[in-house]
Amino acid sequence: MEGDNIANQKQIIEGLVFGIMFLVLVTTGLILFFYYSRRKIIEKEIEKVNIKLDHQKQILQNTINVQEDERNRIAQDLHDAISSKLNVVTLTTNVLIDDDEIQPKHRDSLNHILDITTKTLESSRKIAHELMPPVLYKFGLKVALEELFDEFTSNSELQINHEIDTIDLSQNDALHIFRIVQELINNALVHGKADELEIVLNKLPEVGFSLLFKDNGVGFNVNAKSKKSGIGLQNIKSRVAILNGQLVVESSKQLGSKFKIHCYSYG
């Protein structure tokens, strides 16, 4: 009788042990199932977000490509249709001025025409250059930026302190950086009323660069939306996004503005 009780207790204990083990296995299985199911859901959501971001980036790239194509077309039209005709006017005017039979008052008028034509031709070339800088493609970003700085400072009191590293970039990436700097300078002058700028473009280890832009202008409220500077700033953000970069803007009234861009994996 006592042996039967011991056997029953042993069976009960074994049953409990197997039951607990079964519950542990079932619970573990359920936990693993929910864990991997949740992981799959998260991976799918991340994949959707990445696809959406890639799509948005492609839209930005296409929009900017259209802008650059339009800049190129206008620059070409300025060169072919306007500059060439102005050159003809200049040559013809010079021929007339050199004619000994021209009366003095007519020569004065021709000199006035020549002066206006020359200034218009210079403005046309400058606009075409800004729209599509040939130096960028021939000599690279560093030379193109230095020439851009000279253009802004040569006929004004603007001072630009700069440090530009030579960085190995594709033409598209170099153009994005050039346009960003160009837009920042224009904004600092037109909206910020600045007369001193600091621009530092450094190469980062491996693949990457950092761009620091500071001005001593009137500053602005970073959180406020302004139609005047909003388009320019949005263009800068779009180009930074295409470069896989991060943009930090710091500014306050009367204390100038600072733009910091870091790109660790551009292109």
C-alpha atoms as a PDB file:
ATOM      1  CA  MET A   1       0.000   0.000   0.000  1.00  0.00           C
ATOM      2  CA  GLU A   2       2.777   2.341   0.954  1.00  0.00           C
ATOM      3  CA  GLY A   3       4.610   1.395  -2.271  1.00  0.00           C
ATOM      4  CA  ASP A   4       1.502   2.335  -4.303  1.00  0.00           C
ATOM      5  CA  ASN A   5       1.352   5.768  -2.610  1.00  0.00           C
ATOM      6  CA  ILE A   6       5.008   6.378  -3.370  1.00  0.00           C
ATOM      7  CA  ALA A   7       4.467   5.330  -6.970  1.00  0.00           C
ATOM      8  CA  ASN A   8       1.431   7.622  -7.249  1.00  0.00           C
ATOM      9  CA  GLN A   9       3.353  10.541  -5.736  1.00  0.00           C
ATOM     10  CA  LYS A  10       6.213   9.863  -8.139  1.00  0.00           C
ATOM     11  CA  GLN A  11       3.809   9.871 -11.084  1.00  0.00           C
ATOM     12  CA  ILE A  12       2.198  13.077  -9.841  1.00  0.00           C
ATOM     13  CA  ILE A  13       5.600  14.748  -9.471  1.00  0.00           C
ATOM     14  CA  GLU A  14       6.685  13.538 -12.897  1.00  0.00           C
ATOM     15  CA  GLY A  15       3.407  14.801 -14.340  1.00  0.00           C
ATOM     16  CA  LEU A  16       3.906  18.178 -12.729  1.00  0.00           C
ATOM     17  CA  VAL A  17       7.483  18.350 -13.985  1.00  0.00           C
ATOM     18  CA  PHE A  18       6.460  17.447 -17.533  1.00  0.00           C
ATOM     19  CA  GLY A  19       3.525  19.851 -17.303  1.00  0.00           C
ATOM     20  CA  ILE A  20       5.767  22.692 -16.152  1.00  0.00           C
ATOM     21  CA  MET A  21       8.295  21.858 -18.873  1.00  0.00           C
ATOM     22  CA  PHE A  22       5.502  21.803 -21.424  1.00  0.00           C
ATOM     23  CA  LEU A  23       4.220  25.175 -20.221  1.00  0.00           C
ATOM     24  CA  VAL A  24       7.752  26.590 -20.287  1.00  0.00           C
ATOM     25  CA  LEU A  25       8.251  25.315 -23.840  1.00  0.00           C
ATOM     26  CA  VAL A  26       4.864  26.644 -24.974  1.00  0.00           C
ATOM     27  CA  THR A  27       5.496  29.994 -23.298  1.00  0.00           C
ATOM     28  CA  THR A  28       8.979  30.207 -24.774  1.00  0.00           C
ATOM     29  CA  GLY A  29       7.593  29.308 -28.178  1.00  0.00           C
ATOM     30  CA  LEU A  30       4.908  31.976 -27.902  1.00  0.00           C
ATOM     31  CA  ILE A  31       7.445  34.567 -26.768  1.00  0.00           C
ATOM     32  CA  LEU A  32       9.760  33.692 -29.673  1.00  0.00           C
ATOM     33  CA  PHE A  33       6.821  33.711 -32.094  1.00  0.00           C
ATOM     34  CA  PHE A  34       5.639  37.143 -30.988  1.00  0.00           C
ATOM     35  CA  TYR A  35       9.219  38.436 -30.883  1.00  0.00           C
ATOM     36  CA  TYR A  36      10.037  37.382 -34.445  1.00  0.00           C
ATOM     37  CA  SER A  37       6.597  38.420 -35.672  1.00  0.00           C
ATOM     38  CA  ARG A  38       7.079  41.845 -34.119  1.00  0.00           C
ATOM     39  CA  ARG A  39      10.581  41.993 -35.562  1.00  0.00           C
ATOM     40  CA  LYS A  40       9.228  41.193 -39.015  1.00  0.00           C
ATOM     41  CA  ILE A  41       6.583  43.886 -38.646  1.00  0.00           C
ATOM     42  CA  ILE A  42       9.204  46.432 -37.586  1.00  0.00           C
ATOM     43  CA  GLU A  43      11.472  45.425 -40.471  1.00  0.00           C
ATOM     44  CA  LYS A  44       8.580  45.847 -42.894  1.00  0.00           C
ATOM     45  CA  GLU A  45       7.753  49.271 -41.439  1.00  0.00           C
ATOM     46  CA  ILE A  46      11.407  50.318 -41.691  1.00  0.00           C
ATOM     47  CA  GLU A  47      11.479  49.072 -45.260  1.00  0.00           C
ATOM     48  CA  LYS A  48       8.380  51.127 -46.066  1.00  0.00           C
ATOM     49  CA  VAL A  49       9.931  54.229 -44.471  1.00  0.00           C
ATOM     50  CA  ASN A  50      13.173  53.702 -46.400  1.00  0.00           C
ATOM     51  CA  ILE A  51      11.258  53.289 -49.656  1.00  0.00           C
ATOM     52  CA  LYS A  52       9.332  56.473 -48.883  1.00  0.00           C
ATOM     53  CA  LEU A  53      12.536  58.369 -48.065  1.00  0.00           C
ATOM     54  CA  ASP A  54      14.208  57.088 -51.234  1.00  0.00           C
ATOM     55  CA  HIS A  55      11.165  58.170 -53.219  1.00  0.00           C
ATOM     56  CA  GLN A  56      11.215  61.629 -51.635  1.00  0.00           C
ATOM     57  CA  LYS A  57      14.950  61.893 -52.274  1.00  0.00           C
ATOM     58  CA  GLN A  58      14.404  60.939 -55.911  1.00  0.00           C
ATOM     59  CA  ILE A  59      11.703  63.600 -56.230  1.00  0.00           C
ATOM     60  CA  LEU A  60      14.087  66.185 -54.766  1.00  0.00           C
ATOM     61  CA  GLN A  61      16.843  65.059 -57.115  1.00  0.00           C
ATOM     62  CA  ASN A  62      14.526  65.271 -60.135  1.00  0.00           C
ATOM     63  CA  THR A  63      13.287  68.713 -59.107  1.00  0.00           C
ATOM     64  CA  ILE A  64      16.811  70.036 -58.698  1.00  0.00           C
ATOM     65  CA  ASN A  65      17.881  68.412 -61.976  1.00  0.00           C
ATOM     66  CA  VAL A  66      15.059  70.287 -63.711  1.00  0.00           C
ATOM     67  CA  GLN A  67      16.247  73.522 -62.068  1.00  0.00           C
ATOM     68  CA  GLU A  68      19.826  72.929 -63.194  1.00  0.00           C
ATOM     69  CA  ASP A  69      18.707  72.074 -66.730  1.00  0.00           C
ATOM     70  CA  GLU A  70      16.728  75.322 -66.834  1.00  0.00           C
ATOM     71  CA  ARG A  71      19.732  77.277 -65.509  1.00  0.00           C
ATOM     72  CA  ASN A  72      21.879  75.677 -68.191  1.00  0.00           C
ATOM     73  CA  ARG A  73      19.370  76.530 -70.930  1.00  0.00           C
ATOM     74  CA  ILE A  74      19.103  80.162 -69.808  1.00  0.00           C
ATOM     75  CA  ALA A  75      22.889  80.467 -69.533  1.00  0.00           C
ATOM     76  CA  GLN A  76      23.255  79.038 -73.039  1.00  0.00           C
ATOM     77  CA  ASP A  77      20.613  81.446 -74.375  1.00  0.00           C
ATOM     78  CA  LEU A  78      22.400  84.362 -72.737  1.00  0.00           C
ATOM     79  CA  HIS A  79      25.641  83.316 -74.387  1.00  0.00           C
ATOM     80  CA  ASP A  80      24.273  82.455 -77.823  1.00  0.00           C
ATOM     81  CA  ALA A  81      21.356  84.831 -78.322  1.00  0.00           C
ATOM     82  CA  ILE A  82      22.293  87.910 -76.284  1.00  0.00           C
ATOM     83  CA  SER A  83      26.048  88.016 -75.774  1.00  0.00           C
ATOM     84  CA  SER A  84      26.802  87.210 -79.418  1.00  0.00           C
ATOM     85  CA  LYS A  85      24.484  89.990 -80.645  1.00  0.00           C
ATOM     86  CA  LEU A  86      25.936  92.460 -78.143  1.00  0.00           C
ATOM     87  CA  ASN A  87      29.383  91.602 -79.454  1.00  0.00           C
ATOM     88  CA  VAL A  88      28.199  92.451 -82.981  1.00  0.00           C
ATOM     89  CA  VAL A  89      26.816  95.790 -81.729  1.00  0.00           C
ATOM     90  CA  THR A  90      30.121  96.508 -79.965  1.00  0.00           C
ATOM     91  CA  LEU A  91      32.202  95.760 -83.056  1.00  0.00           C
ATOM     92  CA  THR A  92      29.937  97.813 -85.315  1.00  0.00           C
ATOM     93  CA  THR A  93      29.990 100.742 -82.898  1.00  0.00           C
ATOM     94  CA  ASN A  94      33.779 100.644 -82.702  1.00  0.00           C
ATOM     95  CA  VAL A  95      33.976 100.753 -86.519  1.00  0.00           C
ATOM     96  CA  LEU A  96      31.710 103.794 -86.619  1.00  0.00           C
ATOM     97  CA  ILE A  97      33.664 105.569 -83.881  1.00  0.00           C
ATOM     98  CA  ASP A  98      36.903 105.116 -85.826  1.00  0.00           C
ATOM     99  CA  ASP A  99      35.373 106.704 -88.938  1.00  0.00           C
ATOM    100  CA  ASP A 100      36.965 110.155 -89.417  1.00  0.00           C
ATOM    101  CA  GLU A 101      33.837 111.487 -91.065  1.00  0.00           C
ATOM    102  CA  ILE A 102      31.727 110.989 -87.917  1.00  0.00           C
ATOM    103  CA  GLN A 103      30.775 114.295 -86.294  1.00  0.00           C
ATOM    104  CA  PRO A 104      31.873 114.843 -82.652  1.00  0.00           C
ATOM    105  CA  LYS A 105      28.315 114.831 -81.277  1.00  0.00           C
ATOM    106  CA  HIS A 106      27.611 111.561 -83.077  1.00  0.00           C
ATOM    107  CA  ARG A 107      30.867 110.099 -81.788  1.00  0.00           C
ATOM    108  CA  ASP A 108      29.823 111.016 -78.232  1.00  0.00           C
ATOM    109  CA  SER A 109      26.516 109.226 -78.755  1.00  0.00           C
ATOM    110  CA  LEU A 110      28.310 106.180 -80.149  1.00  0.00           C
ATOM    111  CA  ASN A 111      30.677 106.152 -77.155  1.00  0.00           C
ATOM    112  CA  HIS A 112      27.630 106.256 -74.881  1.00  0.00           C
ATOM    113  CA  ILE A 113      26.097 103.318 -76.775  1.00  0.00           C
ATOM    114  CA  LEU A 114      29.395 101.452 -76.551  1.00  0.00           C
ATOM    115  CA  ASP A 115      29.589 102.040 -72.800  1.00  0.00           C
ATOM    116  CA  ILE A 116      26.036 100.773 -72.240  1.00  0.00           C
ATOM    117  CA  THR A 117      26.616  97.774 -74.514  1.00  0.00           C
ATOM    118  CA  THR A 118      29.856  96.863 -72.731  1.00  0.00           C
ATOM    119  CA  LYS A 119      28.218  97.027 -69.294  1.00  0.00           C
ATOM    120  CA  THR A 120      25.246  94.990 -70.509  1.00  0.00           C
ATOM    121  CA  LEU A 121      27.608  92.405 -71.995  1.00  0.00           C
ATOM    122  CA  GLU A 122      29.501  92.151 -68.699  1.00  0.00           C
ATOM    123  CA  SER A 123      26.229  91.731 -66.785  1.00  0.00           C
ATOM    124  CA  SER A 124      25.069  89.067 -69.230  1.00  0.00           C
ATOM    125  CA  ARG A 125      28.310  87.122 -68.832  1.00  0.00           C
ATOM    126  CA  LYS A 126      28.145  87.428 -65.061  1.00  0.00           C
ATOM    127  CA  ILE A 127      24.565  86.122 -64.950  1.00  0.00           C
ATOM    128  CA  ALA A 128      25.444  83.237 -67.272  1.00  0.00           C
ATOM    129  CA  HIS A 129      28.462  82.426 -65.111  1.00  0.00           C
ATOM    130  CA  GLU A 130      26.347  82.367 -61.945  1.00  0.00           C
ATOM    131  CA  LEU A 131      23.755  80.159 -63.611  1.00  0.00           C
ATOM    132  CA  MET A 132      26.289  77.598 -64.817  1.00  0.00           C
ATOM    133  CA  PRO A 133      29.873  78.117 -63.553  1.00  0.00           C
ATOM    134  CA  PRO A 134      32.276  76.602 -66.127  1.00  0.00           C
ATOM    135  CA  VAL A 135      35.208  76.804 -63.677  1.00  0.00           C
ATOM    136  CA  LEU A 136      33.510  74.197 -61.475  1.00  0.00           C
ATOM    137  CA  TYR A 137      33.684  71.568 -64.202  1.00  0.00           C
ATOM    138  CA  LYS A 138      37.130  72.522 -65.472  1.00  0.00           C
ATOM    139  CA  PHE A 139      39.056  73.073 -62.225  1.00  0.00           C
ATOM    140  CA  GLY A 140      36.913  71.687 -59.393  1.00  0.00           C
ATOM    141  CA  LEU A 141      34.995  72.951 -56.384  1.00  0.00           C
ATOM    142  CA  LYS A 142      37.849  74.661 -54.526  1.00  0.00           C
ATOM    143  CA  VAL A 143      38.775  76.934 -57.461  1.00  0.00           C
ATOM    144  CA  ALA A 144      35.102  77.593 -58.281  1.00  0.00           C
ATOM    145  CA  LEU A 145      34.344  78.675 -54.703  1.00  0.00           C
ATOM    146  CA  GLU A 146      37.419  80.896 -54.523  1.00  0.00           C
ATOM    147  CA  GLU A 147      36.380  82.573 -57.776  1.00  0.00           C
ATOM    148  CA  LEU A 148      32.841  82.978 -56.386  1.00  0.00           C
ATOM    149  CA  PHE A 149      34.250  84.695 -53.290  1.00  0.00           C
ATOM    150  CA  ASP A 150      36.337  87.041 -55.452  1.00  0.00           C
ATOM    151  CA  GLU A 151      33.267  87.990 -57.474  1.00  0.00           C
ATOM    152  CA  PHE A 152      31.346  88.949 -54.336  1.00  0.00           C
ATOM    153  CA  THR A 153      34.205  90.869 -52.708  1.00  0.00           C
ATOM    154  CA  SER A 154      35.866  92.578 -55.689  1.00  0.00           C
ATOM    155  CA  ASN A 155      33.303  95.370 -56.074  1.00  0.00           C
ATOM    156  CA  SER A 156      31.975  95.624 -52.534  1.00  0.00           C
ATOM    157  CA  GLU A 157      33.002  96.019 -48.911  1.00  0.00           C
ATOM    158  CA  LEU A 158      32.078  92.415 -48.173  1.00  0.00           C
ATOM    159  CA  GLN A 159      34.813  90.416 -46.436  1.00  0.00           C
ATOM    160  CA  ILE A 160      34.916  86.624 -46.763  1.00  0.00           C
ATOM    161  CA  ASN A 161      37.302  84.643 -44.575  1.00  0.00           C
ATOM    162  CA  HIS A 162      37.530  81.148 -45.965  1.00  0.00           C
ATOM    163  CA  GLU A 163      39.283  77.817 -45.649  1.00  0.00           C
ATOM    164  CA  ILE A 164      38.523  75.341 -48.423  1.00  0.00           C
ATOM    165  CA  ASP A 165      39.913  71.808 -48.571  1.00  0.00           C
ATOM    166  CA  THR A 166      40.310  69.917 -51.827  1.00  0.00           C
ATOM    167  CA  ILE A 167      37.701  67.137 -51.760  1.00  0.00           C
ATOM    168  CA  ASP A 168      37.233  64.325 -54.257  1.00  0.00           C
ATOM    169  CA  LEU A 169      33.624  64.750 -55.417  1.00  0.00           C
ATOM    170  CA  SER A 170      31.448  63.871 -58.351  1.00  0.00           C
ATOM    171  CA  GLN A 171      30.342  66.795 -60.523  1.00  0.00           C
ATOM    172  CA  ASN A 172      26.790  66.557 -59.176  1.00  0.00           C
ATOM    173  CA  ASP A 173      27.898  66.617 -55.541  1.00  0.00           C
ATOM    174  CA  ALA A 174      30.315  69.473 -56.207  1.00  0.00           C
ATOM    175  CA  LEU A 175      27.509  71.425 -57.881  1.00  0.00           C
ATOM    176  CA  HIS A 176      25.211  70.844 -54.881  1.00  0.00           C
ATOM    177  CA  ILE A 177      27.839  72.231 -52.484  1.00  0.00           C
ATOM    178  CA  PHE A 178      28.550  75.171 -54.797  1.00  0.00           C
ATOM    179  CA  ARG A 179      24.833  76.027 -54.965  1.00  0.00           C
ATOM    180  CA  ILE A 180      24.495  75.721 -51.187  1.00  0.00           C
ATOM    181  CA  VAL A 181      27.350  78.167 -50.587  1.00  0.00           C
ATOM    182  CA  GLN A 182      26.051  80.479 -53.305  1.00  0.00           C
ATOM    183  CA  GLU A 183      22.574  80.499 -51.741  1.00  0.00           C
ATOM    184  CA  LEU A 184      23.969  81.074 -48.246  1.00  0.00           C
ATOM    185  CA  ILE A 185      25.998  84.070 -49.423  1.00  0.00           C
ATOM    186  CA  ASN A 186      23.033  85.578 -51.271  1.00  0.00           C
ATOM    187  CA  ASN A 187      20.786  85.125 -48.221  1.00  0.00           C
ATOM    188  CA  ALA A 188      23.405  86.635 -45.910  1.00  0.00           C
ATOM    189  CA  LEU A 189      23.730  89.723 -48.120  1.00  0.00           C
ATOM    190  CA  VAL A 190      20.118  90.255 -49.176  1.00  0.00           C
ATOM    191  CA  HIS A 191      18.245  89.223 -46.025  1.00  0.00           C
ATOM    192  CA  GLY A 192      20.948  89.318 -43.348  1.00  0.00           C
ATOM    193  CA  LYS A 193      22.615  92.583 -44.465  1.00  0.00           C
ATOM    194  CA  ALA A 194      25.960  91.026 -43.517  1.00  0.00           C
ATOM    195  CA  ASP A 195      29.353  92.455 -44.483  1.00  0.00           C
ATOM    196  CA  GLU A 196      31.595  89.728 -43.065  1.00  0.00           C
ATOM    197  CA  LEU A 197      31.395  85.979 -43.683  1.00  0.00           C
ATOM    198  CA  GLU A 198      33.325  82.931 -42.533  1.00  0.00           C
ATOM    199  CA  ILE A 199      33.222  79.841 -44.723  1.00  0.00           C
ATOM    200  CA  VAL A 200      35.053  76.614 -43.857  1.00  0.00           C
ATOM    201  CA  LEU A 201      34.818  73.471 -45.971  1.00  0.00           C
ATOM    202  CA  ASN A 202      36.781  70.582 -44.468  1.00  0.00           C
ATOM    203  CA  LYS A 203      37.288  67.042 -45.657  1.00  0.00           C
ATOM    204  CA  LEU A 204      36.293  64.432 -43.090  1.00  0.00           C
ATOM    205  CA  PRO A 205      37.967  61.020 -42.669  1.00  0.00           C
ATOM    206  CA  GLU A 206      37.029  58.432 -45.297  1.00  0.00           C
ATOM    207  CA  VAL A 207      34.019  59.745 -47.266  1.00  0.00           C
ATOM    208  CA  GLY A 208      32.596  62.979 -45.936  1.00  0.00           C
ATOM    209  CA  PHE A 209      32.901  66.712 -45.428  1.00  0.00           C
ATOM    210  CA  SER A 210      31.774  69.479 -43.098  1.00  0.00           C
ATOM    211  CA  LEU A 211      30.695  72.969 -44.100  1.00  0.00           C
ATOM    212  CA  LEU A 212      30.553  75.873 -41.669  1.00  0.00           C
ATOM    213  CA  PHE A 213      29.003  79.175 -42.744  1.00  0.00           C
ATOM    214  CA  LYS A 214      28.831  82.160 -40.400  1.00  0.00           C
ATOM    215  CA  ASP A 215      27.735  85.747 -41.011  1.00  0.00           C
ATOM    216  CA  ASN A 216      27.516  88.915 -38.907  1.00  0.00           C
ATOM    217  CA  GLY A 217      24.097  89.882 -40.238  1.00  0.00           C
ATOM    218  CA  VAL A 218      20.900  90.826 -38.491  1.00  0.00           C
ATOM    219  CA  GLY A 219      19.951  87.191 -37.898  1.00  0.00           C
ATOM    220  CA  PHE A 220      16.474  85.681 -37.961  1.00  0.00           C
ATOM    221  CA  ASN A 221      14.071  83.543 -35.972  1.00  0.00           C
ATOM    222  CA  VAL A 222      14.920  79.968 -36.962  1.00  0.00           C
ATOM    223  CA  ASN A 223      11.451  78.711 -36.010  1.00  0.00           C
ATOM    224  CA  ALA A 224       9.589  81.448 -37.870  1.00  0.00           C
ATOM    225  CA  LYS A 225       8.462  80.877 -41.448  1.00  0.00           C
ATOM    226  CA  SER A 226       9.473  83.647 -43.844  1.00  0.00           C
ATOM    227  CA  LYS A 227       8.455  83.726 -47.509  1.00  0.00           C
ATOM    228  CA  LYS A 228      11.513  85.808 -48.385  1.00  0.00           C
ATOM    229  CA  SER A 229      14.188  83.434 -47.144  1.00  0.00           C
ATOM    230  CA  GLY A 230      12.023  80.300 -46.981  1.00  0.00           C
ATOM    231  CA  ILE A 231      12.528  79.240 -50.598  1.00  0.00           C
ATOM    232  CA  GLY A 232      16.298  79.662 -50.436  1.00  0.00           C
ATOM    233  CA  LEU A 233      16.536  77.776 -47.161  1.00  0.00           C
ATOM    234  CA  GLN A 234      14.317  75.007 -48.504  1.00  0.00           C
ATOM    235  CA  ASN A 235      16.595  74.647 -51.545  1.00  0.00           C
ATOM    236  CA  ILE A 236      19.568  74.321 -49.194  1.00  0.00           C
ATOM    237  CA  LYS A 237      17.767  71.655 -47.132  1.00  0.00           C
ATOM    238  CA  SER A 238      16.849  69.757 -50.293  1.00  0.00           C
ATOM    239  CA  ARG A 239      20.437  69.671 -51.514  1.00  0.00           C
ATOM    240  CA  VAL A 240      21.712  68.638 -48.074  1.00  0.00           C
ATOM    241  CA  ALA A 241      19.173  65.789 -48.055  1.00  0.00           C
ATOM    242  CA  ILE A 242      20.382  64.617 -51.467  1.00  0.00           C
ATOM    243  CA  LEU A 243      23.942  64.607 -50.108  1.00  0.00           C
ATOM    244  CA  ASN A 244      22.758  62.449 -47.153  1.00  0.00           C
ATOM    245  CA  GLY A 245      23.822  65.242 -44.818  1.00  0.00           C
ATOM    246  CA  GLN A 246      22.638  66.918 -41.650  1.00  0.00           C
ATOM    247  CA  LEU A 247      21.940  70.651 -41.403  1.00  0.00           C
ATOM    248  CA  VAL A 248      21.971  72.624 -38.154  1.00  0.00           C
ATOM    249  CA  VAL A 249      20.900  76.283 -38.217  1.00  0.00           C
ATOM    250  CA  GLU A 250      21.662  78.675 -35.371  1.00  0.00           C
ATOM    251  CA  SER A 251      20.559  82.297 -35.483  1.00  0.00           C
ATOM    252  CA  SER A 252      19.115  85.083 -33.379  1.00  0.00           C
ATOM    253  CA  LYS A 253      18.213  88.705 -33.947  1.00  0.00           C
ATOM    254  CA  GLN A 254      21.227  91.037 -34.329  1.00  0.00           C
ATOM    255  CA  LEU A 255      23.689  88.214 -33.601  1.00  0.00           C
ATOM    256  CA  GLY A 256      24.142  86.781 -37.073  1.00  0.00           C
ATOM    257  CA  SER A 257      23.574  83.265 -38.348  1.00  0.00           C
ATOM    258  CA  LYS A 258      25.478  80.004 -38.403  1.00  0.00           C
ATOM    259  CA  PHE A 259      24.890  77.028 -40.702  1.00  0.00           C
ATOM    260  CA  LYS A 260      26.619  73.711 -40.004  1.00  0.00           C
ATOM    261  CA  ILE A 261      26.434  70.857 -42.495  1.00  0.00           C
ATOM    262  CA  HIS A 262      27.921  67.394 -41.959  1.00  0.00           C
ATOM    263  CA  CYS A 263      27.919  64.723 -44.637  1.00  0.00           C
ATOM    264  CA  TYR A 264      29.511  61.389 -43.809  1.00  0.00           C
ATOM    265  CA  SER A 265      28.345  59.455 -46.853  1.00  0.00           C
ATOM    266  CA  TYR A 266      27.447  61.710 -49.728  1.00  0.00           C
ATOM    267  CA  GLY A 267      26.584  60.820 -53.302  1.00  0.00           C
END
